[in-house]
Amino acid sequence: MQLTAIEQRVIGCLLEKQSTTPEHYPLSLNALTNACNQKSNREPVLTLSETQVQQALDTLLAQRLVTQDEGFSGRVTKFAHRFCNTEFGNLQLTEQQRAIICLLLLRGPQTPGELRTRSNRLAEFNNVAEVETALNELINAEHVVKHPREPGKRESRYSHLFADPESTVVAQAVELPDIKADELNELLAEIDDLKAELQKIKQHLGL
């Protein structure tokens, strides 16, 4: 299973809202788009349109990872995930494992300590050791990977393995802010100045 950045966000939001606001689940397209663009508990923060979210839903519907209630008598169409814990699905997760996958889909690589702090509305972890146990179970099932510990950091970070190779690039492209033409020209001019200075230094050094 390989999900694009937007598909990851959609599945993560459906998992989250199913647990945190079950009275409003399944979600309408508008509610799901708002959840995808939520500023809290999201990394990166995105500004997706309903069209982008619908396109991701169309793909997920085709893969049977999402279902839709067409709505009758004027009711709005709503969407629910079939990502995990379905009757005949292959991906069966404990409540703790599900919470971890949900957070990794919504916020990217995280440490066990971060996962425990952020999971209070999704599952109960008595301590960080319980988080690490669940992570090791997910690693053994090839759903999660542990990254080498970064210099100066006390804990290693973990990522899910449901992303396609281009998902990081897509996420960066989605969140890339617009640059005004005059700002771009100013940046290009600064680059030209730096190139000229570098050339002078090379000439001075006889390079």
Foldseek 3Di string as FASTA:
>chain_A
DAAALLLLLLQLLLLVCCQQPVVCPQDFLVRSQCSSQDVPLAPPRFNDDSVVNVVSVVVCVVVQQKDWDPDPPPDGIGMHGPNEDDPPDPHHADQLLSQQSSSCSGHNWDFLVVSQVPSPSRDHDPDSVSSVVSQVVCVVVQQKDWDPDDPPDPTTIMHGDRHDPCRVVVVCVRHPDDDDPVRVVVVVVVVVVVVVVVVVVCVVVVD
